[in-house]
N, C-alpha and C. Protein backbone atom coordinates (compact mmCIF):
# COMPACT_ATOMS: atom_id res chain seq x y z
N UNK A 1 0.91 -1.08 0.30
CA UNK A 1 -0.16 0.12 -0.29
C UNK A 1 1.23 1.52 -0.18
N UNK A 2 2.08 1.10 1.20
CA UNK A 2 2.52 2.32 0.75
C UNK A 2 3.63 2.42 0.07
N UNK A 3 3.96 1.73 -0.66
CA UNK A 3 4.75 1.68 -2.26
C UNK A 3 3.52 2.77 -3.34
N UNK A 4 2.54 1.87 -3.18
CA UNK A 4 1.26 2.64 -4.75
C UNK A 4 1.18 3.72 -3.97
N UNK A 5 1.19 4.11 -2.74
CA UNK A 5 0.86 5.52 -2.46
C UNK A 5 1.86 6.54 -2.52
N UNK A 6 3.04 5.80 -2.71
CA UNK A 6 4.46 6.62 -2.48
C UNK A 6 4.68 6.99 -4.44
N UNK A 7 3.78 6.29 -5.07
CA UNK A 7 4.07 6.63 -6.57
C UNK A 7 3.12 7.45 -7.09
N UNK A 8 2.15 7.98 -6.13
CA UNK A 8 1.42 9.18 -6.81
C UNK A 8 2.27 10.40 -5.83
N UNK A 9 2.88 10.31 -5.26
CA UNK A 9 3.66 11.19 -4.65
C UNK A 9 2.72 12.32 -3.73
N UNK A 10 3.28 13.38 -4.15
CA UNK A 10 2.13 14.73 -3.22
C UNK A 10 0.98 14.85 -4.23
N UNK A 11 0.51 14.78 -5.04
CA UNK A 11 -0.35 14.12 -5.86
C UNK A 11 -1.51 13.51 -5.23
N UNK A 12 -1.21 12.49 -4.58
CA UNK A 12 -2.21 11.71 -3.87
C UNK A 12 -3.18 12.42 -3.00
N UNK A 13 -4.56 12.03 -2.90
CA UNK A 13 -5.47 12.87 -2.00
C UNK A 13 -6.22 11.71 -1.18
N UNK A 14 -5.69 11.56 -0.13
CA UNK A 14 -6.30 10.11 0.86
C UNK A 14 -8.00 10.55 1.12
N UNK A 15 -8.82 9.62 0.87
CA UNK A 15 -10.26 9.76 0.97
C UNK A 15 -10.58 10.61 2.26
N UNK A 16 -11.51 11.37 3.00
CA UNK A 16 -11.21 12.10 4.07
C UNK A 16 -12.24 10.90 5.16
N UNK A 17 -12.36 11.15 6.08
CA UNK A 17 -12.93 10.20 7.22
C UNK A 17 -14.31 10.22 7.03
N UNK A 18 -14.87 11.25 6.50
CA UNK A 18 -16.78 11.41 6.50
C UNK A 18 -16.67 10.39 4.96
N UNK A 19 -16.15 10.40 3.82
CA UNK A 19 -15.93 9.65 2.95
C UNK A 19 -16.37 8.37 3.31
N UNK A 20 -15.24 7.71 3.53
CA UNK A 20 -14.91 6.55 4.39
C UNK A 20 -16.17 6.40 4.98
N UNK A 21 -16.56 6.89 6.04
CA UNK A 21 -17.71 6.74 6.97
C UNK A 21 -19.14 6.51 6.00
N UNK A 22 -19.27 7.53 5.49
CA UNK A 22 -20.53 7.22 4.92
C UNK A 22 -20.64 6.67 3.34
N UNK A 23 -19.78 5.90 2.97
CA UNK A 23 -19.80 5.10 2.17
C UNK A 23 -19.92 3.67 2.94
N UNK A 24 -19.35 3.31 3.98
CA UNK A 24 -19.55 1.94 4.75
C UNK A 24 -20.51 2.22 5.36
N UNK A 25 -21.62 3.04 5.50
CA UNK A 25 -22.49 2.93 6.35
C UNK A 25 -23.50 2.66 5.00
N UNK A 26 -23.51 3.77 4.02
CA UNK A 26 -24.53 3.08 3.11
C UNK A 26 -24.15 1.40 2.44
N UNK A 27 -23.56 1.32 2.62
CA UNK A 27 -23.31 -0.19 2.33
C UNK A 27 -23.59 -1.04 3.80
N UNK A 28 -23.61 -0.56 4.97
CA UNK A 28 -24.63 -1.60 6.09
C UNK A 28 -25.67 -1.35 5.87
N UNK A 29 -26.40 -0.13 5.48
CA UNK A 29 -27.53 0.00 5.23
C UNK A 29 -28.25 -1.28 4.06
N UNK A 30 -27.62 -0.59 3.32
CA UNK A 30 -27.98 -1.85 1.93
C UNK A 30 -27.96 -3.02 1.95
N UNK A 31 -26.67 -3.68 3.04
CA UNK A 31 -26.92 -4.91 3.51
C UNK A 31 -28.16 -5.67 4.09
N UNK A 32 -28.32 -4.32 5.31
CA UNK A 32 -30.01 -4.56 6.15
C UNK A 32 -31.21 -4.75 5.24
N UNK A 33 -31.26 -3.92 4.25
CA UNK A 33 -32.48 -4.00 3.66
C UNK A 33 -32.86 -4.96 2.53
N UNK A 34 -31.61 -5.45 2.28
CA UNK A 34 -31.13 -6.91 1.35
C UNK A 34 -31.70 -8.11 2.09
N UNK A 35 -30.63 -8.19 3.50
CA UNK A 35 -31.49 -9.35 4.32
C UNK A 35 -32.99 -9.24 4.23
N UNK A 36 -33.64 -8.11 4.72
CA UNK A 36 -34.91 -8.19 5.14
C UNK A 36 -35.54 -8.62 3.97
N UNK A 37 -35.27 -8.58 2.63
CA UNK A 37 -36.13 -8.89 1.70
C UNK A 37 -36.30 -10.46 1.76
N UNK A 38 -35.48 -10.73 2.24
CA UNK A 38 -35.69 -12.78 2.58
C UNK A 38 -36.76 -12.89 3.02
N UNK A 39 -36.69 -11.99 4.71
CA UNK A 39 -37.67 -12.42 5.38
C UNK A 39 -38.92 -11.39 5.01
N UNK A 40 -38.96 -10.50 4.65
CA UNK A 40 -40.53 -10.13 3.72
C UNK A 40 -41.11 -11.20 2.92
N UNK A 41 -40.37 -11.93 1.81
CA UNK A 41 -40.81 -12.89 0.77
C UNK A 41 -41.57 -14.24 1.88
N UNK A 42 -40.83 -14.48 3.05
CA UNK A 42 -41.17 -15.36 3.84
C UNK A 42 -42.47 -15.27 4.53
N UNK A 43 -42.88 -13.38 5.02
CA UNK A 43 -43.99 -13.22 5.46
C UNK A 43 -45.22 -13.34 4.50
N UNK A 44 -45.08 -13.40 3.47
CA UNK A 44 -46.02 -12.91 2.67
C UNK A 44 -46.78 -14.37 2.20
N UNK A 45 -45.73 -15.32 2.61
CA UNK A 45 -46.28 -16.89 2.25
C UNK A 45 -46.57 -17.68 3.92
N UNK A 46 -46.42 -17.37 4.83
CA UNK A 46 -46.31 -17.33 6.22
C UNK A 46 -47.10 -16.41 7.19
N UNK A 47 -47.30 -15.17 6.74
CA UNK A 47 -48.15 -14.48 7.35
C UNK A 47 -47.78 -14.39 8.87
N UNK A 48 -46.39 -14.17 8.74
CA UNK A 48 -46.07 -14.71 10.16
C UNK A 48 -45.02 -13.12 10.10
N UNK A 49 -44.63 -12.08 11.27
CA UNK A 49 -43.90 -11.16 10.89
C UNK A 49 -42.55 -11.50 12.12
N UNK A 50 -41.68 -10.67 12.06
CA UNK A 50 -40.61 -10.54 13.37
C UNK A 50 -40.84 -9.80 14.25
N UNK A 51 -40.71 -10.11 15.21
CA UNK A 51 -40.94 -8.99 16.45
C UNK A 51 -39.66 -8.36 16.99
N UNK A 52 -39.44 -7.21 16.63
CA UNK A 52 -38.26 -6.49 17.20
C UNK A 52 -38.32 -5.00 18.09
N UNK A 53 -37.60 -5.09 18.27
CA UNK A 53 -37.33 -3.61 19.55
C UNK A 53 -37.06 -2.19 18.99
N UNK A 54 -37.49 -1.45 19.35
CA UNK A 54 -36.44 -0.06 18.81
C UNK A 54 -35.88 0.64 19.59
N UNK A 55 -34.61 1.80 18.72
CA UNK A 55 -33.85 1.96 19.61
C UNK A 55 -34.01 3.93 19.26
N UNK A 56 -33.98 4.42 20.54
CA UNK A 56 -33.75 5.84 20.31
C UNK A 56 -32.63 6.17 20.73
N UNK A 57 -32.57 7.77 19.91
CA UNK A 57 -31.95 8.57 20.48
C UNK A 57 -31.74 9.46 21.82
N UNK A 58 -30.88 9.67 22.52
CA UNK A 58 -31.35 10.62 23.88
C UNK A 58 -32.15 11.45 23.53
N UNK A 59 -32.55 11.98 22.58
CA UNK A 59 -33.37 13.14 22.22
C UNK A 59 -34.95 12.50 22.19
N UNK A 60 -34.93 10.82 22.04
CA UNK A 60 -36.07 10.35 21.64
C UNK A 60 -36.73 9.81 20.58
N UNK A 61 -35.93 10.24 19.69
CA UNK A 61 -36.17 10.33 17.93
C UNK A 61 -36.09 8.97 17.55
N UNK A 62 -36.49 8.01 16.94
CA UNK A 62 -36.23 6.69 16.70
C UNK A 62 -35.73 6.53 15.60
N UNK A 63 -34.64 5.02 15.81
CA UNK A 63 -33.41 5.22 15.12
C UNK A 63 -33.94 4.22 13.88
N UNK A 64 -35.04 3.55 13.87
CA UNK A 64 -35.46 3.08 12.94
C UNK A 64 -37.03 3.37 12.24
C-alpha cells in the first residue's frame, strides 16, 4: 500500500474520514435492507412477522 501511495507522490489525496464513513454506512444499510427482503418474501407466504424492539436517541427520536 505504501509503495502504491508513494508512486502518486504529493498528488495523492486520501479519502476523508467522512467519505469512508458515509460509504461504509451506505453499504451496511443496503446489506440490512437486502437481508430483510428474504424475510419479507417469507412473511407473504407464512403470514408471520418478526418481532423487534426499537432504539431511540437521547432526544427521543427513533432510530428505525
